[in-house]
Structure formats: C-alpha cells, structure tokens
Amino acid sequence: MFFVDQTIKFIESAIHDSKTELVSNYLEELSDYEQFNILDIYPYQILDNDKFEQIEIFFDKLTEEDFSRKTEDYLLYNSKLKSFERVIQHLWLINDKFYVFYNNEYNILSTSCDTLAHKIYREEIENIKSLGCDETNLKEVREYSSLVSLVRLAVAERLSLFFILINQKIIIQSNGLSFIIYSDQKLDDIEKIANVEGLYIR
C-alpha cells in the first residue's frame, strides 16, 4: 500500500466523520517517511554551510528598513516568496479539495503583536483569523486571499503548515523557502509548474 495515498484516505475519512483531531496523528507519521521531495529555490542541496549562510534567504534576516526601502535583500526574498505563492496557487486551482492544517506550537496568531511579522503581515494575520485558524487546526481553503495569506506566513516561518491536496494525493509541509512534498506519485507536472515559476523540485 502506498504510504501517502493511505494517509490521504485516513485524513479524508477523519474529515468526513468530523474527527479532525486525528489528522495531527496521521501527519506526524509522515516524519518517518523517507521518500519525499523538496520544492526549493535551488536545484541542488548546498552542503557547504559556510557558503549557504552567506547566500541564505529568510524572513528573519530582513529588517523593517529592508521592507520600507525595498533593499536588494528584500527584493530577492519577495521574488522567491511570489514564486511559492504562484506554485501553491496552481495546485489550489486544480484541487477542488484543498485543506490546510497548522501546528499549534508554532503559530503567530497566539504571539505578541510587537514583532516585525505583525507589522508587515497585519492584514494576512487578520485574514487567517477570519478563516477560523485560531479556532481549529484544519480548514478547507476556498478563498484565494486566504491561500496567499497562509503561504506568506508559512514562507516567513510564522505558521507551520501542511497543505493537503486530496485530488492529487499530495501533502506539502511548509519550511521557509523550501517546502517538503510527500507523494507516492511522480511529480512531473508539478515540477513543470515549479520550473516556470523559478523554483525546483529535488
């Protein structure tokens, strides 16, 4: 039996039976699954940590001045963020059952409001709260604005998310600017989408 396919079936059953508290257990088991791919800004893994630290892009590397002045670091981060937004948008469009599950332990909705992320992503945070993600861990994503808000906070590592694509039997775990893709199927079509948007699957 294909592991990810079976996990999707369990999740579908839990949703149908209104036992969404079981979804967390099913997703935790994915950490033991060794066959996964990475949606990344690089087509290869950078093994030299010293080099990687010099070119690494992530939200916490940016300052409020970077955002206000639109510095080179900001523009680079934002261009990669937009690439992730567009890839996830494509997947959202071709899956009529598209769910998101977020981890309570890593959640900007329950932290203080004086951080840079709250200043930059105030609208996105309110959007997600209106979606009800501060009330339950699992939500079906029907609104595009909600999808974009989720991706932005996931890339900024302010929400730890799993995107659950029922139709394609794919689960995507957020991890900054490199998302983990769990699937028992070939990812040729998704790889084409990623490449068009300047990302890679490895």
Protein backbone atom coordinates (compact mmCIF):
# COMPACT_ATOMS: atom_id res chain seq x y z
CA MET A 1 0.00 0.00 0.00
CA PHE A 2 1.31 3.46 -0.87
CA PHE A 3 2.03 5.33 2.35
CA VAL A 4 0.97 8.86 1.37
CA ASP A 5 -2.11 7.62 -0.50
CA GLN A 6 -3.16 5.74 2.63
CA THR A 7 -2.54 8.82 4.79
CA ILE A 8 -4.77 10.87 2.48
CA LYS A 9 -7.52 8.26 2.78
CA PHE A 10 -7.28 8.36 6.58
CA ILE A 11 -7.47 12.17 6.51
CA GLU A 12 -10.48 12.12 4.17
CA SER A 13 -12.21 9.68 6.49
CA ALA A 14 -11.42 11.84 9.54
CA ILE A 15 -12.83 14.92 7.79
CA HIS A 16 -15.96 13.04 6.72
CA ASP A 17 -16.53 11.72 10.25
CA SER A 18 -15.76 15.12 11.85
CA LYS A 19 -12.80 13.61 13.71
CA THR A 20 -10.29 16.22 12.63
CA GLU A 21 -8.31 15.79 15.85
CA LEU A 22 -6.96 12.57 14.28
CA VAL A 23 -5.38 14.44 11.37
CA SER A 24 -2.44 15.56 13.51
CA ASN A 25 -1.53 11.94 14.26
CA TYR A 26 -1.61 10.98 10.59
CA LEU A 27 0.59 13.93 9.62
CA GLU A 28 3.11 13.21 12.38
CA GLU A 29 3.70 9.78 10.84
CA LEU A 30 4.99 11.47 7.68
CA SER A 31 8.21 12.33 9.52
CA ASP A 32 9.11 8.62 9.30
CA TYR A 33 8.52 8.52 5.55
CA GLU A 34 11.86 8.65 3.75
CA GLN A 35 10.58 9.19 0.21
CA PHE A 36 9.92 12.89 -0.18
CA ASN A 37 10.90 15.77 -2.43
CA ILE A 38 11.81 19.38 -1.76
CA LEU A 39 10.30 22.41 -3.50
CA ASP A 40 13.28 24.74 -3.32
CA ILE A 41 14.83 27.92 -4.66
CA TYR A 42 17.94 25.88 -5.59
CA PRO A 43 18.07 22.80 -7.86
CA TYR A 44 20.52 21.07 -5.52
CA GLN A 45 21.33 20.76 -1.83
CA ILE A 46 24.07 23.14 -0.68
CA LEU A 47 26.37 21.06 1.51
CA ASP A 48 28.88 23.79 2.41
CA ASN A 49 27.27 25.51 5.42
CA ASP A 50 29.64 28.48 5.27
CA LYS A 51 28.64 29.24 1.68
CA PHE A 52 24.97 28.59 2.42
CA GLU A 53 24.91 31.07 5.31
CA GLN A 54 26.29 33.77 3.02
CA ILE A 55 23.55 33.43 0.41
CA GLU A 56 20.67 32.10 2.53
CA ILE A 57 17.38 33.99 2.21
CA PHE A 58 14.82 34.06 5.01
CA PHE A 59 12.38 36.47 6.63
CA ASP A 60 14.27 36.89 9.92
CA LYS A 61 17.32 38.10 8.00
CA LEU A 62 15.35 41.19 6.96
CA THR A 63 14.79 44.38 8.94
CA GLU A 64 11.99 46.91 8.90
CA GLU A 65 14.30 49.17 6.88
CA ASP A 66 14.67 46.45 4.24
CA PHE A 67 10.89 46.42 3.78
CA SER A 68 10.47 50.21 3.81
CA ARG A 69 13.39 50.95 1.46
CA LYS A 70 12.87 47.81 -0.65
CA THR A 71 16.53 46.87 -0.46
CA GLU A 72 18.21 44.20 -2.57
CA ASP A 73 17.70 41.62 0.21
CA TYR A 74 14.00 42.46 0.37
CA LEU A 75 13.56 42.27 -3.41
CA LEU A 76 15.27 38.88 -3.54
CA TYR A 77 13.17 37.49 -0.69
CA ASN A 78 9.97 38.90 -2.15
CA SER A 79 10.64 37.48 -5.62
CA LYS A 80 11.09 33.99 -4.16
CA LEU A 81 8.00 34.42 -1.98
CA LYS A 82 5.96 35.28 -5.09
CA SER A 83 7.25 32.12 -6.78
CA PHE A 84 5.96 29.99 -3.90
CA GLU A 85 2.66 31.85 -3.95
CA ARG A 86 2.17 31.10 -7.65
CA VAL A 87 3.10 27.41 -7.38
CA ILE A 88 0.70 26.84 -4.49
CA GLN A 89 -1.94 28.86 -6.38
CA HIS A 90 -1.66 26.47 -9.35
CA LEU A 91 -2.08 23.47 -7.05
CA TRP A 92 -5.04 25.10 -5.30
CA LEU A 93 -6.75 25.70 -8.65
CA ILE A 94 -6.51 22.08 -9.78
CA ASN A 95 -7.62 20.56 -6.46
CA ASP A 96 -11.26 21.07 -5.55
CA LYS A 97 -10.49 19.66 -2.09
CA PHE A 98 -7.61 21.71 -0.72
CA TYR A 99 -7.06 21.75 3.04
CA VAL A 100 -4.56 23.35 5.38
CA PHE A 101 -3.51 22.03 8.77
CA TYR A 102 -1.45 24.20 11.09
CA ASN A 103 0.64 23.35 14.13
CA ASN A 104 -0.48 24.98 17.38
CA GLU A 105 3.06 25.05 18.75
CA TYR A 106 4.33 27.38 16.02
CA ASN A 107 1.63 29.93 15.48
CA ILE A 108 1.85 33.69 15.01
CA LEU A 109 -1.84 34.03 15.90
CA SER A 110 -1.05 33.45 19.57
CA THR A 111 2.12 35.55 19.92
CA SER A 112 2.61 39.21 20.89
CA CYS A 113 1.88 41.97 18.38
CA ASP A 114 5.15 43.92 18.54
CA THR A 115 7.13 41.77 16.11
CA LEU A 116 8.17 42.76 12.60
CA ALA A 117 5.99 39.99 11.18
CA HIS A 118 2.91 41.51 12.81
CA LYS A 119 3.74 44.90 11.28
CA ILE A 120 4.44 43.54 7.81
CA TYR A 121 1.70 40.92 7.70
CA ARG A 122 -1.05 42.54 9.78
CA GLU A 123 -3.64 42.11 7.02
CA GLU A 124 -2.66 38.49 6.39
CA ILE A 125 -2.93 37.65 10.10
CA GLU A 126 -6.41 39.16 10.32
CA ASN A 127 -7.38 37.31 7.16
CA ILE A 128 -6.35 33.98 8.65
CA LYS A 129 -8.13 34.74 11.91
CA SER A 130 -11.31 35.37 9.92
CA LEU A 131 -10.77 31.98 8.28
CA GLY A 132 -11.02 30.48 11.76
CA CYS A 133 -7.50 29.09 12.00
CA ASP A 134 -7.30 30.30 15.59
CA GLU A 135 -10.22 28.01 16.43
CA THR A 136 -9.42 24.74 14.66
CA ASN A 137 -6.29 23.21 13.18
CA LEU A 138 -7.84 22.03 9.92
CA LYS A 139 -9.56 24.21 7.33
CA GLU A 140 -10.64 23.88 3.74
CA VAL A 141 -9.21 26.78 1.74
CA ARG A 142 -11.81 28.23 -0.63
CA GLU A 143 -10.73 31.89 -0.78
CA TYR A 144 -7.67 32.95 -2.77
CA SER A 145 -6.86 35.76 -0.32
CA SER A 146 -6.72 33.19 2.49
CA LEU A 147 -4.40 30.99 0.44
CA VAL A 148 -1.98 33.86 -0.20
CA SER A 149 -2.01 34.86 3.47
CA LEU A 150 -1.21 31.29 4.53
CA VAL A 151 1.68 30.99 2.07
CA ARG A 152 3.19 34.33 3.10
CA LEU A 153 3.18 33.45 6.80
CA ALA A 154 4.44 29.94 6.08
CA VAL A 155 7.37 31.20 4.00
CA ALA A 156 8.13 33.72 6.77
CA GLU A 157 8.09 30.73 9.17
CA ARG A 158 5.34 32.25 11.28
CA LEU A 159 2.91 29.39 10.66
CA SER A 160 3.89 25.74 10.44
CA LEU A 161 1.53 24.33 7.83
CA PHE A 162 0.60 21.22 5.93
CA PHE A 163 -1.23 21.76 2.64
CA ILE A 164 -3.35 18.67 1.93
CA LEU A 165 -4.25 18.13 -1.73
CA ILE A 166 -6.92 15.46 -1.72
CA ASN A 167 -7.34 15.10 -5.50
CA GLN A 168 -3.65 14.75 -6.29
CA LYS A 169 -2.92 12.78 -3.10
CA ILE A 170 -0.12 15.14 -2.13
CA ILE A 171 0.82 16.64 1.23
CA ILE A 172 3.12 19.68 1.35
CA GLN A 173 4.81 20.77 4.57
CA SER A 174 5.98 24.37 4.88
CA ASN A 175 9.60 25.03 5.81
CA GLY A 176 10.55 28.60 4.96
CA LEU A 177 11.72 28.87 1.36
CA SER A 178 11.83 25.09 0.91
CA PHE A 179 8.62 23.09 1.15
CA ILE A 180 8.63 19.32 1.72
CA ILE A 181 6.44 17.35 -0.71
CA TYR A 182 5.08 13.95 0.27
CA SER A 183 3.63 11.92 -2.58
CA ASP A 184 3.61 8.36 -3.88
CA GLN A 185 3.11 9.69 -7.42
CA LYS A 186 5.54 11.16 -9.92
CA LEU A 187 5.72 14.94 -9.71
CA ASP A 188 6.43 15.71 -13.38
CA ASP A 189 3.51 18.12 -13.80
CA ILE A 190 4.26 19.94 -10.56
CA GLU A 191 7.94 20.14 -11.50
CA LYS A 192 6.99 21.87 -14.76
CA ILE A 193 4.92 24.41 -12.81
CA ALA A 194 7.75 24.96 -10.33
CA ASN A 195 10.33 25.47 -13.07
CA VAL A 196 8.15 28.02 -14.86
CA GLU A 197 7.93 29.96 -11.59
CA GLY A 198 11.68 29.81 -10.96
CA LEU A 199 11.64 27.00 -8.38
CA TYR A 200 12.92 23.45 -8.43
CA ILE A 201 11.88 20.03 -7.17
CA ARG A 202 14.72 17.86 -5.96
